[in-house]
């Protein structure tokens, strides 16, 4: 009888100890499980530098495609344009293999702006094929002051004689209350303005392309 009672006591003590020990293992003493942070799709991990491809402004991607490359804009070199930008922008233009491409606050507006110039692979490799000014801000107030800043800061280093006035007049004539996509052919180059949902871009491109035989595919316009 006493032996049986002792056995029951031993079993009860063993079960209680197991319950107490198990409770400690699963209690808050070990701290709550913390989920491993997962970066949302497309996010850049902390400390990592995103890889930015070389710029291909609208229309520039075709320069390296199967299409013939853009010929030079007569009388305008990439380095003279970059030198003019250095005098106007607090952030100097940044060089890359095809020319210059920089994002900085635009003088006169402070708006974040991407400005750049791409060289023509035809000839001595010093001449301009296309120049661009992109303002991606969806709340751009496109008024006379803004348009003048674009011409003065972005375009002026590439322009000659009456071209600044002609471009500014043409830009001011557009109705920016609606989406805009307009082109203006000038003697040395063609200008394209695009304004969609408040963003703004302006491109100057050389006229025509050089065919495989080396002759312009279309009228190259006046050398000016």
N, C-alpha and C. Protein backbone atom coordinates (compact mmCIF):
# COMPACT_ATOMS: atom_id res chain seq x y z
N UNK A 1 0.84 -1.21 0.00
CA UNK A 1 0.00 0.00 0.00
C UNK A 1 0.87 1.25 0.00
N UNK A 2 1.84 1.27 0.91
CA UNK A 2 2.73 2.43 0.96
C UNK A 2 3.58 2.53 -0.28
N UNK A 3 3.97 1.36 -0.78
CA UNK A 3 4.78 1.37 -2.01
C UNK A 3 4.00 1.92 -3.18
N UNK A 4 2.71 1.57 -3.26
CA UNK A 4 1.88 2.11 -4.37
C UNK A 4 1.69 3.60 -4.26
N UNK A 5 1.49 4.10 -3.04
CA UNK A 5 1.31 5.54 -2.84
C UNK A 5 2.58 6.30 -3.22
N UNK A 6 3.73 5.74 -2.88
CA UNK A 6 5.01 6.39 -3.21
C UNK A 6 5.19 6.47 -4.72
N UNK A 7 4.79 5.39 -5.45
CA UNK A 7 4.92 5.39 -6.91
C UNK A 7 4.06 6.48 -7.53
N UNK A 8 2.82 6.65 -7.01
CA UNK A 8 1.93 7.70 -7.55
C UNK A 8 2.53 9.08 -7.34
N UNK A 9 3.15 9.28 -6.16
CA UNK A 9 3.76 10.58 -5.87
C UNK A 9 4.90 10.86 -6.84
N UNK A 10 5.72 9.84 -7.12
CA UNK A 10 6.85 10.02 -8.05
C UNK A 10 6.36 10.38 -9.44
N UNK A 11 5.32 9.70 -9.91
CA UNK A 11 4.75 9.97 -11.24
C UNK A 11 4.20 11.38 -11.31
N UNK A 12 3.47 11.83 -10.26
CA UNK A 12 2.89 13.17 -10.25
C UNK A 12 3.95 14.25 -10.29
N UNK A 13 5.02 14.04 -9.49
CA UNK A 13 6.12 15.02 -9.47
C UNK A 13 6.78 15.10 -10.83
N UNK A 14 6.97 13.94 -11.50
CA UNK A 14 7.59 13.92 -12.83
C UNK A 14 6.75 14.65 -13.86
N UNK A 15 5.44 14.40 -13.84
CA UNK A 15 4.55 15.09 -14.80
C UNK A 15 4.53 16.58 -14.55
N UNK A 16 4.50 17.02 -13.31
CA UNK A 16 4.49 18.45 -13.00
C UNK A 16 5.74 19.13 -13.46
N UNK A 17 6.89 18.46 -13.26
CA UNK A 17 8.15 19.04 -13.71
C UNK A 17 8.20 19.20 -15.22
N UNK A 18 7.69 18.19 -15.92
CA UNK A 18 7.68 18.27 -17.39
C UNK A 18 6.79 19.41 -17.86
N UNK A 19 5.62 19.56 -17.23
CA UNK A 19 4.69 20.65 -17.62
C UNK A 19 5.33 22.01 -17.36
N UNK A 20 6.01 22.18 -16.23
CA UNK A 20 6.63 23.47 -15.87
C UNK A 20 7.77 23.80 -16.83
N UNK A 21 8.60 22.81 -17.15
CA UNK A 21 9.74 23.04 -18.05
C UNK A 21 9.25 23.38 -19.46
N UNK A 22 8.22 22.64 -19.92
CA UNK A 22 7.68 22.92 -21.26
C UNK A 22 7.07 24.29 -21.33
N UNK A 23 6.39 24.70 -20.24
CA UNK A 23 5.78 26.02 -20.22
C UNK A 23 6.81 27.13 -20.35
N UNK A 24 7.98 26.95 -19.72
CA UNK A 24 9.04 27.95 -19.80
C UNK A 24 9.60 28.04 -21.22
N UNK A 25 9.69 26.93 -21.92
CA UNK A 25 10.24 26.93 -23.27
C UNK A 25 9.34 27.68 -24.24
N UNK A 26 8.02 27.67 -23.99
CA UNK A 26 7.08 28.31 -24.93
C UNK A 26 6.54 29.60 -24.40
N UNK A 27 7.00 30.05 -23.23
CA UNK A 27 6.49 31.30 -22.65
C UNK A 27 7.23 32.48 -23.22
N UNK A 28 6.94 33.68 -22.72
CA UNK A 28 7.55 34.90 -23.22
C UNK A 28 9.00 35.07 -22.83
N UNK A 29 9.59 34.16 -22.06
CA UNK A 29 10.97 34.35 -21.64
C UNK A 29 11.92 34.31 -22.82
N UNK A 30 11.53 33.62 -23.89
CA UNK A 30 12.41 33.54 -25.06
C UNK A 30 12.16 34.71 -26.00
N UNK A 31 11.16 35.53 -25.75
CA UNK A 31 10.84 36.67 -26.61
C UNK A 31 9.95 36.25 -27.76
N UNK A 32 9.12 37.17 -28.26
CA UNK A 32 8.21 36.86 -29.37
C UNK A 32 8.99 36.64 -30.65
N UNK A 33 8.42 35.83 -31.51
CA UNK A 33 9.05 35.60 -32.81
C UNK A 33 8.95 36.87 -33.65
N UNK A 34 10.08 37.32 -34.21
CA UNK A 34 10.11 38.55 -35.00
C UNK A 34 10.16 38.20 -36.47
N UNK A 35 9.19 38.65 -37.29
CA UNK A 35 9.22 38.32 -38.71
C UNK A 35 10.43 38.94 -39.39
N UNK A 36 11.01 38.22 -40.31
CA UNK A 36 12.15 38.73 -41.07
C UNK A 36 11.66 39.78 -42.04
N UNK A 37 12.24 40.99 -41.99
CA UNK A 37 11.78 42.03 -42.92
C UNK A 37 11.97 41.59 -44.36
N UNK A 38 10.97 41.85 -45.16
CA UNK A 38 11.02 41.52 -46.58
C UNK A 38 10.86 42.80 -47.38
N UNK A 39 11.83 43.12 -48.23
CA UNK A 39 11.74 44.33 -49.03
C UNK A 39 10.64 44.20 -50.06
N UNK A 40 9.83 45.24 -50.25
CA UNK A 40 8.79 45.17 -51.26
C UNK A 40 9.41 45.02 -52.64
N UNK A 41 8.63 44.47 -53.57
CA UNK A 41 9.16 44.27 -54.93
C UNK A 41 9.71 45.55 -55.51
N UNK A 42 10.91 45.49 -56.07
CA UNK A 42 11.50 46.66 -56.71
C UNK A 42 12.27 47.56 -55.78
N UNK A 43 12.21 47.29 -54.45
CA UNK A 43 12.92 48.15 -53.51
C UNK A 43 14.41 47.89 -53.58
N UNK A 44 15.20 48.93 -53.31
CA UNK A 44 16.64 48.79 -53.31
C UNK A 44 17.12 48.48 -51.90
N UNK A 45 17.86 47.38 -51.69
CA UNK A 45 18.34 47.05 -50.33
C UNK A 45 19.17 48.20 -49.77
N UNK A 46 19.10 48.40 -48.42
CA UNK A 46 19.87 49.49 -47.81
C UNK A 46 21.34 49.39 -48.17
N UNK A 47 21.92 50.52 -48.54
CA UNK A 47 23.33 50.56 -48.85
C UNK A 47 23.67 50.18 -50.28
N UNK A 48 22.69 49.65 -51.01
CA UNK A 48 22.98 49.24 -52.38
C UNK A 48 22.79 50.42 -53.32
N UNK A 49 23.57 50.46 -54.36
CA UNK A 49 23.45 51.51 -55.36
C UNK A 49 22.73 50.96 -56.57
N UNK A 50 21.56 51.51 -56.92
CA UNK A 50 20.84 50.98 -58.07
C UNK A 50 21.64 51.16 -59.34
N UNK A 51 21.54 50.17 -60.20
CA UNK A 51 22.23 50.23 -61.47
C UNK A 51 21.38 51.02 -62.47
N UNK A 52 21.88 52.13 -62.90
CA UNK A 52 21.14 52.98 -63.82
C UNK A 52 21.70 52.80 -65.22
N UNK A 53 20.85 52.39 -66.16
CA UNK A 53 21.36 52.19 -67.51
C UNK A 53 21.72 53.51 -68.15
N UNK A 54 22.52 53.46 -69.17
CA UNK A 54 22.85 54.67 -69.90
C UNK A 54 21.58 55.29 -70.46
N UNK A 55 21.52 56.61 -70.48
CA UNK A 55 20.27 57.27 -70.86
C UNK A 55 19.90 57.02 -72.31
N UNK A 56 18.62 56.91 -72.55
CA UNK A 56 18.11 56.82 -73.91
C UNK A 56 16.87 57.68 -73.98
N UNK A 57 17.02 59.01 -74.06
CA UNK A 57 15.86 59.88 -74.14
C UNK A 57 14.98 59.50 -75.31
N UNK A 58 13.75 59.96 -75.29
CA UNK A 58 12.80 59.64 -76.34
C UNK A 58 13.41 59.91 -77.71
N UNK A 59 13.45 58.87 -78.52
CA UNK A 59 14.00 59.01 -79.85
C UNK A 59 15.47 58.69 -79.93
N UNK A 60 16.18 58.65 -78.80
CA UNK A 60 17.61 58.40 -78.84
C UNK A 60 17.93 56.91 -78.91
N UNK A 61 16.98 56.08 -78.42
CA UNK A 61 17.24 54.65 -78.43
C UNK A 61 17.48 54.15 -79.84
N UNK A 62 16.81 54.74 -80.82
CA UNK A 62 16.96 54.29 -82.20
C UNK A 62 18.33 54.62 -82.76
N UNK A 63 19.08 55.51 -82.06
CA UNK A 63 20.41 55.86 -82.56
C UNK A 63 21.33 54.65 -82.57
N UNK A 64 21.10 53.69 -81.67
CA UNK A 64 21.97 52.53 -81.59
C UNK A 64 21.27 51.28 -82.09
N UNK A 65 20.09 51.44 -82.69
CA UNK A 65 19.36 50.30 -83.21
C UNK A 65 19.77 50.06 -84.65
N UNK A 66 18.96 49.28 -85.37
CA UNK A 66 19.28 48.96 -86.75
C UNK A 66 19.10 50.17 -87.66
N UNK A 67 18.39 51.20 -87.18
CA UNK A 67 18.22 52.42 -87.97
C UNK A 67 19.55 53.15 -88.09
N UNK A 68 19.68 53.91 -89.18
CA UNK A 68 20.91 54.68 -89.38
C UNK A 68 21.03 55.72 -88.28
N UNK A 69 22.24 56.04 -87.83
CA UNK A 69 22.42 57.00 -86.74
C UNK A 69 22.09 58.42 -87.17
N UNK A 70 21.77 59.24 -86.18
CA UNK A 70 21.49 60.64 -86.46
C UNK A 70 22.77 61.37 -86.85
N UNK A 71 22.69 62.20 -87.88
CA UNK A 71 23.86 63.00 -88.26
C UNK A 71 24.05 64.16 -87.29
N UNK A 72 25.13 64.92 -87.40
CA UNK A 72 25.36 66.04 -86.49
C UNK A 72 24.43 67.22 -86.75
N UNK A 73 24.17 67.99 -85.69
CA UNK A 73 23.56 69.31 -85.85
C UNK A 73 24.69 70.25 -86.27
N UNK A 74 24.59 70.89 -87.41
CA UNK A 74 25.70 71.73 -87.89
C UNK A 74 26.06 72.84 -86.91
N UNK A 75 27.35 73.02 -86.69
CA UNK A 75 27.83 74.16 -85.91
C UNK A 75 27.69 74.05 -84.42
N UNK A 76 27.38 72.85 -83.89
CA UNK A 76 27.22 72.68 -82.44
C UNK A 76 27.99 71.46 -81.97
N UNK A 77 28.87 71.63 -81.00
CA UNK A 77 29.64 70.51 -80.47
C UNK A 77 29.19 70.16 -79.06
N UNK A 78 29.39 68.92 -78.70
CA UNK A 78 29.01 68.45 -77.38
C UNK A 78 29.75 69.21 -76.29
N UNK A 79 31.04 69.43 -76.47
CA UNK A 79 31.83 70.09 -75.43
C UNK A 79 31.47 71.57 -75.27
N UNK A 80 31.10 72.25 -76.36
CA UNK A 80 30.70 73.65 -76.23
C UNK A 80 29.38 73.76 -75.47
N UNK A 81 28.48 72.79 -75.70
CA UNK A 81 27.21 72.77 -74.96
C UNK A 81 27.48 72.52 -73.47
N UNK A 82 28.33 71.54 -73.17
CA UNK A 82 28.66 71.24 -71.78
C UNK A 82 29.32 72.43 -71.09
N UNK A 83 30.18 73.16 -71.82
CA UNK A 83 30.84 74.35 -71.25
C UNK A 83 29.80 75.42 -70.91
N UNK A 84 28.81 75.58 -71.77
CA UNK A 84 27.75 76.54 -71.49
C UNK A 84 26.92 76.16 -70.28
N UNK A 85 26.65 74.86 -70.12
CA UNK A 85 25.91 74.40 -68.95
C UNK A 85 26.68 74.63 -67.66
N UNK A 86 27.98 74.48 -67.69
CA UNK A 86 28.77 74.69 -66.48
C UNK A 86 28.65 76.12 -65.95
N UNK A 87 28.39 77.05 -66.84
CA UNK A 87 28.24 78.45 -66.44
C UNK A 87 26.85 78.74 -65.89
N UNK A 88 25.88 77.89 -66.21
CA UNK A 88 24.49 78.18 -65.86
C UNK A 88 23.97 77.34 -64.68
N UNK A 89 24.45 76.11 -64.55
CA UNK A 89 23.90 75.19 -63.56
C UNK A 89 24.84 75.09 -62.35
N UNK A 90 24.26 74.98 -61.15
CA UNK A 90 25.07 74.76 -59.96
C UNK A 90 25.68 73.36 -59.97
N UNK A 91 24.96 72.41 -60.61
CA UNK A 91 25.48 71.05 -60.76
C UNK A 91 26.05 70.90 -62.16
N UNK A 92 27.35 70.69 -62.30
CA UNK A 92 27.95 70.60 -63.63
C UNK A 92 27.49 69.35 -64.37
N UNK A 93 27.49 69.37 -65.69
CA UNK A 93 27.06 68.20 -66.46
C UNK A 93 27.99 67.02 -66.23
N UNK A 94 27.40 65.83 -66.18
CA UNK A 94 28.16 64.61 -65.91
C UNK A 94 28.35 63.83 -67.22
N UNK A 95 29.60 63.54 -67.52
CA UNK A 95 29.93 62.88 -68.78
C UNK A 95 29.69 61.38 -68.70
N UNK A 96 29.30 60.79 -69.82
CA UNK A 96 29.26 59.34 -69.98
C UNK A 96 29.66 59.06 -71.42
N UNK A 97 29.60 57.81 -71.83
CA UNK A 97 30.23 57.42 -73.09
C UNK A 97 29.64 58.11 -74.32
N UNK A 98 28.38 58.51 -74.26
CA UNK A 98 27.74 59.09 -75.44
C UNK A 98 27.56 60.60 -75.35
N UNK A 99 28.00 61.20 -74.27
CA UNK A 99 27.84 62.65 -74.14
C UNK A 99 27.75 63.07 -72.69
N UNK A 100 26.68 63.76 -72.33
CA UNK A 100 26.46 64.22 -70.96
C UNK A 100 25.01 63.96 -70.56
N UNK A 101 24.81 63.62 -69.29
CA UNK A 101 23.47 63.34 -68.77
C UNK A 101 23.47 63.63 -67.27
N UNK A 102 22.64 64.59 -66.84
CA UNK A 102 22.69 65.07 -65.46
C UNK A 102 21.27 65.36 -64.96
N UNK A 103 21.03 65.10 -63.69
CA UNK A 103 19.77 65.49 -63.05
C UNK A 103 20.09 66.46 -61.92
N UNK A 104 19.44 67.63 -61.94
CA UNK A 104 19.73 68.68 -60.96
C UNK A 104 18.59 69.69 -60.96
N UNK A 105 18.52 70.57 -59.93
CA UNK A 105 17.52 71.64 -59.92
C UNK A 105 17.81 72.63 -61.05
N UNK A 106 16.78 72.96 -61.82
CA UNK A 106 16.96 73.89 -62.93
C UNK A 106 17.09 75.33 -62.44
N UNK A 107 18.10 76.06 -62.89
CA UNK A 107 18.22 77.48 -62.53
C UNK A 107 16.97 78.25 -62.95
N UNK A 108 16.51 79.10 -62.05
CA UNK A 108 15.33 79.91 -62.34
C UNK A 108 14.03 79.29 -61.90
N UNK A 109 14.03 77.96 -61.64
CA UNK A 109 12.80 77.29 -61.20
C UNK A 109 13.03 76.39 -59.99
N UNK A 110 14.22 75.81 -59.86
CA UNK A 110 14.49 74.87 -58.79
C UNK A 110 13.88 73.50 -59.01
N UNK A 111 13.21 73.28 -60.15
CA UNK A 111 12.56 72.01 -60.43
C UNK A 111 13.59 70.94 -60.80
N UNK A 112 13.36 69.74 -60.29
CA UNK A 112 14.25 68.63 -60.63
C UNK A 112 14.18 68.38 -62.13
N UNK A 113 15.33 68.45 -62.78
CA UNK A 113 15.38 68.40 -64.23
C UNK A 113 16.51 67.49 -64.70
N UNK A 114 16.23 66.71 -65.71
CA UNK A 114 17.28 65.91 -66.34
C UNK A 114 17.65 66.59 -67.65
N UNK A 115 18.90 66.94 -67.80
CA UNK A 115 19.34 67.61 -69.02
C UNK A 115 20.56 66.90 -69.57
N UNK A 116 20.66 66.87 -70.90
CA UNK A 116 21.78 66.14 -71.47
C UNK A 116 21.93 66.37 -72.95
N UNK A 117 23.02 65.88 -73.47
CA UNK A 117 23.34 66.01 -74.89
C UNK A 117 24.02 64.72 -75.33
N UNK A 118 23.64 64.22 -76.51
CA UNK A 118 24.21 63.01 -77.06
C UNK A 118 24.95 63.34 -78.34
N UNK A 119 26.10 62.74 -78.51
CA UNK A 119 26.91 63.02 -79.69
C UNK A 119 26.48 62.18 -80.89
N UNK A 120 26.76 62.69 -82.06
CA UNK A 120 26.54 61.92 -83.28
C UNK A 120 27.77 61.05 -83.54
N UNK A 121 27.57 59.77 -83.88
CA UNK A 121 28.71 58.92 -84.17
C UNK A 121 29.29 59.17 -85.56
N UNK A 122 28.64 60.05 -86.31
CA UNK A 122 29.09 60.35 -87.67
C UNK A 122 30.10 61.49 -87.64
N UNK A 123 31.11 61.41 -88.46
CA UNK A 123 32.10 62.48 -88.52
C UNK A 123 33.15 62.34 -87.45
N UNK A 124 33.52 63.48 -86.85
CA UNK A 124 34.62 63.47 -85.87
C UNK A 124 34.19 63.04 -84.47
N UNK A 125 32.89 62.79 -84.27
CA UNK A 125 32.39 62.35 -82.96
C UNK A 125 32.30 63.45 -81.93
N UNK A 126 32.43 64.71 -82.36
CA UNK A 126 32.36 65.84 -81.44
C UNK A 126 31.04 66.60 -81.54
N UNK A 127 30.30 66.37 -82.59
CA UNK A 127 29.09 67.15 -82.85
C UNK A 127 27.87 66.56 -82.15
N UNK A 128 26.85 67.39 -81.96
CA UNK A 128 25.62 67.02 -81.26
C UNK A 128 24.65 66.33 -82.22
N UNK A 129 24.05 65.22 -81.75
CA UNK A 129 22.96 64.58 -82.49
C UNK A 129 21.61 64.99 -81.90
N UNK A 130 21.53 65.01 -80.56
CA UNK A 130 20.28 65.41 -79.90
C UNK A 130 20.59 66.00 -78.53
N UNK A 131 19.75 66.92 -78.11
CA UNK A 131 19.86 67.57 -76.81
C UNK A 131 18.49 67.49 -76.15
N UNK A 132 18.45 67.27 -74.84
CA UNK A 132 17.15 67.09 -74.20
C UNK A 132 17.08 67.79 -72.85
N UNK A 133 15.85 68.10 -72.46
CA UNK A 133 15.55 68.71 -71.16
C UNK A 133 14.25 68.09 -70.68
N UNK A 134 14.29 67.33 -69.58
CA UNK A 134 13.14 66.59 -69.08
C UNK A 134 12.80 67.04 -67.66
N UNK A 135 11.56 67.43 -67.44
CA UNK A 135 11.10 67.82 -66.10
C UNK A 135 9.98 66.86 -65.72
N UNK A 136 10.26 65.81 -64.94
CA UNK A 136 9.27 64.76 -64.68
C UNK A 136 8.23 65.12 -63.62
N UNK A 137 8.41 66.24 -62.93
CA UNK A 137 7.48 66.64 -61.88
C UNK A 137 6.06 66.74 -62.44
N UNK A 138 5.11 66.05 -61.82
CA UNK A 138 3.73 66.04 -62.33
C UNK A 138 2.97 67.32 -61.99
N UNK A 139 3.61 68.25 -61.28
CA UNK A 139 2.94 69.50 -60.91
C UNK A 139 3.65 70.72 -61.47
N UNK A 140 4.26 70.55 -62.65
CA UNK A 140 4.95 71.68 -63.26
C UNK A 140 3.94 72.74 -63.69
N UNK A 141 4.20 73.98 -63.29
CA UNK A 141 3.38 75.10 -63.73
C UNK A 141 4.03 75.67 -64.99
N UNK A 142 3.52 75.28 -66.14
CA UNK A 142 4.14 75.65 -67.41
C UNK A 142 3.66 77.05 -67.82
N UNK A 143 4.42 78.04 -67.41
CA UNK A 143 4.08 79.41 -67.75
C UNK A 143 5.27 80.06 -68.46
N UNK A 144 5.17 81.35 -68.73
CA UNK A 144 6.22 82.05 -69.48
C UNK A 144 7.56 81.99 -68.74
N UNK A 145 7.51 82.15 -67.42
CA UNK A 145 8.75 82.11 -66.63
C UNK A 145 9.42 80.75 -66.75
N UNK A 146 8.64 79.68 -66.64
CA UNK A 146 9.18 78.33 -66.75
C UNK A 146 9.78 78.10 -68.14
N UNK A 147 9.06 78.46 -69.19
CA UNK A 147 9.54 78.24 -70.54
C UNK A 147 10.82 79.02 -70.83
N UNK A 148 10.91 80.23 -70.31
CA UNK A 148 12.13 81.01 -70.50
C UNK A 148 13.32 80.35 -69.78
N UNK A 149 13.06 79.79 -68.60
CA UNK A 149 14.13 79.10 -67.87
C UNK A 149 14.61 77.88 -68.65
N UNK A 150 13.68 77.15 -69.28
CA UNK A 150 14.07 75.98 -70.09
C UNK A 150 14.97 76.41 -71.24
N UNK A 151 14.58 77.46 -71.95
CA UNK A 151 15.37 77.93 -73.08
C UNK A 151 16.74 78.45 -72.61
N UNK A 152 16.74 79.24 -71.54
CA UNK A 152 18.00 79.83 -71.06
C UNK A 152 18.94 78.81 -70.45
N UNK A 153 18.40 77.90 -69.64
CA UNK A 153 19.26 76.96 -68.91
C UNK A 153 19.61 75.73 -69.72
N UNK A 154 18.62 75.15 -70.40
CA UNK A 154 18.84 73.88 -71.09
C UNK A 154 19.32 74.06 -72.53
N UNK A 155 18.69 74.98 -73.26
CA UNK A 155 18.90 75.03 -74.70
C UNK A 155 19.94 76.03 -75.17
N UNK A 156 20.06 77.14 -74.47
CA UNK A 156 20.86 78.27 -74.95
C UNK A 156 22.28 77.88 -75.40
N UNK A 157 22.99 76.99 -74.69
CA UNK A 157 24.35 76.67 -75.14
C UNK A 157 24.43 76.04 -76.53
N UNK A 158 23.31 75.51 -77.02
CA UNK A 158 23.30 74.88 -78.34
C UNK A 158 22.69 75.77 -79.41
N UNK A 159 22.17 76.94 -79.02
CA UNK A 159 21.40 77.76 -79.96
C UNK A 159 22.25 78.88 -80.55
N UNK A 160 21.77 79.40 -81.70
CA UNK A 160 22.47 80.48 -82.39
C UNK A 160 21.46 81.51 -82.89
N UNK A 161 21.91 82.72 -83.02
CA UNK A 161 21.19 83.86 -83.61
C UNK A 161 19.73 83.93 -83.18
N UNK A 162 18.79 83.67 -84.09
CA UNK A 162 17.37 83.87 -83.80
C UNK A 162 16.69 82.64 -83.20
N UNK A 163 17.42 81.57 -83.00
CA UNK A 163 16.80 80.33 -82.54
C UNK A 163 16.18 80.43 -81.14
N UNK A 164 16.80 81.09 -80.15
CA UNK A 164 16.16 81.19 -78.84
C UNK A 164 14.80 81.87 -78.90
N UNK A 165 14.70 82.98 -79.62
CA UNK A 165 13.42 83.70 -79.71
C UNK A 165 12.38 82.86 -80.43
N UNK A 166 12.78 82.16 -81.50
CA UNK A 166 11.83 81.34 -82.25
C UNK A 166 11.29 80.20 -81.40
N UNK A 167 12.17 79.56 -80.63
CA UNK A 167 11.73 78.46 -79.78
C UNK A 167 10.82 78.95 -78.65
N UNK A 168 11.21 80.05 -78.02
CA UNK A 168 10.40 80.56 -76.90
C UNK A 168 9.02 80.97 -77.38
N UNK A 169 8.94 81.62 -78.54
CA UNK A 169 7.65 82.03 -79.09
C UNK A 169 6.79 80.80 -79.39
N UNK A 170 7.38 79.79 -80.00
CA UNK A 170 6.64 78.57 -80.34
C UNK A 170 6.17 77.84 -79.08
N UNK A 171 7.03 77.73 -78.07
CA UNK A 171 6.64 77.07 -76.82
C UNK A 171 5.50 77.80 -76.14
N UNK A 172 5.53 79.14 -76.18
CA UNK A 172 4.51 79.94 -75.50
C UNK A 172 3.15 79.83 -76.20
N UNK A 173 3.13 79.41 -77.45
CA UNK A 173 1.88 79.31 -78.21
C UNK A 173 1.10 78.04 -77.89
N UNK A 174 1.72 77.08 -77.23
CA UNK A 174 1.06 75.79 -76.97
C UNK A 174 0.02 75.92 -75.85
N UNK A 175 -1.02 75.10 -75.94
CA UNK A 175 -2.05 75.07 -74.91
C UNK A 175 -1.74 73.95 -73.92
N UNK A 176 -1.13 74.31 -72.80
CA UNK A 176 -0.69 73.31 -71.84
C UNK A 176 -1.79 72.89 -70.86
N UNK A 177 -3.00 73.37 -71.09
CA UNK A 177 -4.13 72.88 -70.29
C UNK A 177 -4.53 71.47 -70.71
N UNK A 178 -4.07 71.05 -71.89
CA UNK A 178 -4.29 69.70 -72.39
C UNK A 178 -2.93 69.08 -72.70
N UNK A 179 -2.92 67.78 -72.98
CA UNK A 179 -1.67 67.13 -73.35
C UNK A 179 -1.14 67.71 -74.66
N UNK A 180 0.17 67.89 -74.72
CA UNK A 180 0.80 68.51 -75.88
C UNK A 180 1.89 67.61 -76.44
N UNK A 181 1.88 67.45 -77.76
CA UNK A 181 2.99 66.84 -78.47
C UNK A 181 3.10 67.57 -79.81
N UNK A 182 4.08 68.45 -79.92
CA UNK A 182 4.22 69.27 -81.11
C UNK A 182 5.68 69.28 -81.58
N UNK A 183 5.85 69.48 -82.88
CA UNK A 183 7.19 69.54 -83.47
C UNK A 183 7.37 70.85 -84.24
N UNK A 184 8.56 71.36 -84.18
CA UNK A 184 8.90 72.59 -84.89
C UNK A 184 10.18 72.35 -85.70
N UNK A 185 10.08 72.33 -87.03
CA UNK A 185 11.30 72.19 -87.85
C UNK A 185 12.00 73.53 -88.01
N UNK A 186 13.26 73.58 -87.66
CA UNK A 186 14.08 74.77 -87.88
C UNK A 186 15.20 74.40 -88.86
N UNK A 187 15.99 75.38 -89.23
CA UNK A 187 17.00 75.15 -90.27
C UNK A 187 18.03 74.09 -89.86
N UNK A 188 18.50 74.15 -88.61
CA UNK A 188 19.59 73.25 -88.20
C UNK A 188 19.11 71.98 -87.51
N UNK A 189 17.89 72.01 -86.94
CA UNK A 189 17.41 70.88 -86.16
C UNK A 189 15.89 70.91 -86.09
N UNK A 190 15.31 69.84 -85.55
CA UNK A 190 13.88 69.77 -85.28
C UNK A 190 13.67 69.78 -83.77
N UNK A 191 12.71 70.54 -83.30
CA UNK A 191 12.39 70.60 -81.87
C UNK A 191 11.08 69.86 -81.62
N UNK A 192 11.01 69.15 -80.50
CA UNK A 192 9.80 68.43 -80.10
C UNK A 192 9.50 68.75 -78.65
N UNK A 193 8.27 69.19 -78.39
CA UNK A 193 7.85 69.45 -77.01
C UNK A 193 6.75 68.47 -76.65
N UNK A 194 6.85 67.91 -75.45
CA UNK A 194 5.84 66.98 -74.94
C UNK A 194 5.48 67.40 -73.52
N UNK A 195 4.19 67.57 -73.28
CA UNK A 195 3.70 67.91 -71.94
C UNK A 195 2.48 67.03 -71.66
N UNK A 196 2.65 66.11 -70.73
CA UNK A 196 1.60 65.14 -70.41
C UNK A 196 1.43 65.08 -68.90
N UNK A 197 0.20 65.31 -68.43
CA UNK A 197 -0.13 65.26 -67.00
C UNK A 197 0.80 66.14 -66.16
N UNK A 198 1.18 67.27 -66.71
CA UNK A 198 1.99 68.21 -65.95
C UNK A 198 3.47 68.05 -66.12
N UNK A 199 3.95 66.90 -66.60
CA UNK A 199 5.38 66.73 -66.86
C UNK A 199 5.73 67.41 -68.18
N UNK A 200 7.02 67.65 -68.40
CA UNK A 200 7.43 68.44 -69.56
C UNK A 200 8.75 67.92 -70.10
N UNK A 201 8.86 67.84 -71.42
CA UNK A 201 10.14 67.49 -72.03
C UNK A 201 10.30 68.22 -73.35
N UNK A 202 11.54 68.52 -73.67
CA UNK A 202 11.87 69.22 -74.90
C UNK A 202 13.14 68.60 -75.49
N UNK A 203 13.07 68.25 -76.78
CA UNK A 203 14.20 67.65 -77.47
C UNK A 203 14.56 68.46 -78.71
N UNK A 204 15.84 68.60 -78.95
CA UNK A 204 16.34 69.12 -80.22
C UNK A 204 17.07 67.98 -80.91
N UNK A 205 16.72 67.68 -82.16
CA UNK A 205 17.34 66.58 -82.89
C UNK A 205 17.83 67.05 -84.25
N UNK A 206 18.93 66.46 -84.68
CA UNK A 206 19.44 66.79 -86.01
C UNK A 206 18.44 66.35 -87.07
N UNK A 207 18.56 66.95 -88.24
CA UNK A 207 17.60 66.70 -89.30
C UNK A 207 18.08 65.56 -90.20
N UNK A 208 17.26 64.54 -90.33
CA UNK A 208 17.57 63.44 -91.22
C UNK A 208 18.50 62.43 -90.62
N UNK A 209 18.66 61.31 -91.32
CA UNK A 209 19.58 60.25 -90.93
C UNK A 209 20.49 59.92 -92.09
N UNK A 210 21.66 59.43 -91.78
CA UNK A 210 22.60 59.06 -92.82
C UNK A 210 22.38 57.61 -93.22
N UNK A 211 22.17 57.36 -94.50
CA UNK A 211 21.98 56.01 -94.99
C UNK A 211 23.29 55.26 -95.07
N UNK A 212 23.21 53.99 -95.47
CA UNK A 212 24.42 53.17 -95.50
C UNK A 212 25.45 53.69 -96.49
N UNK A 213 24.97 54.39 -97.53
CA UNK A 213 25.90 54.92 -98.52
C UNK A 213 26.55 56.20 -98.06
N UNK A 214 26.10 56.74 -96.88
CA UNK A 214 26.69 57.95 -96.34
C UNK A 214 25.96 59.20 -96.72
N UNK A 215 24.85 59.08 -97.47
CA UNK A 215 24.07 60.26 -97.85
C UNK A 215 22.90 60.42 -96.92
N UNK A 216 22.48 61.65 -96.62
CA UNK A 216 21.34 61.85 -95.74
C UNK A 216 20.09 61.17 -96.29
N UNK A 217 19.33 60.50 -95.38
CA UNK A 217 18.12 59.81 -95.80
C UNK A 217 17.03 60.81 -96.12
N UNK A 218 17.07 61.99 -95.48
CA UNK A 218 16.10 63.05 -95.78
C UNK A 218 16.90 64.34 -95.88
N UNK A 219 16.21 65.42 -96.22
CA UNK A 219 16.87 66.72 -96.34
C UNK A 219 17.52 67.09 -95.02
N UNK A 220 18.81 67.33 -95.04
CA UNK A 220 19.53 67.64 -93.81
C UNK A 220 19.38 69.08 -93.39
N UNK A 221 18.76 69.90 -94.21
CA UNK A 221 18.52 71.29 -93.84
C UNK A 221 19.76 72.14 -94.03
N UNK A 222 19.60 73.42 -93.71
CA UNK A 222 20.69 74.37 -93.88
C UNK A 222 21.73 74.20 -92.80
N UNK A 223 22.96 74.43 -93.16
CA UNK A 223 24.04 74.36 -92.17
C UNK A 223 23.97 75.53 -91.23
N UNK A 224 23.25 76.56 -91.58
CA UNK A 224 22.99 77.69 -90.70
C UNK A 224 24.19 78.55 -90.50
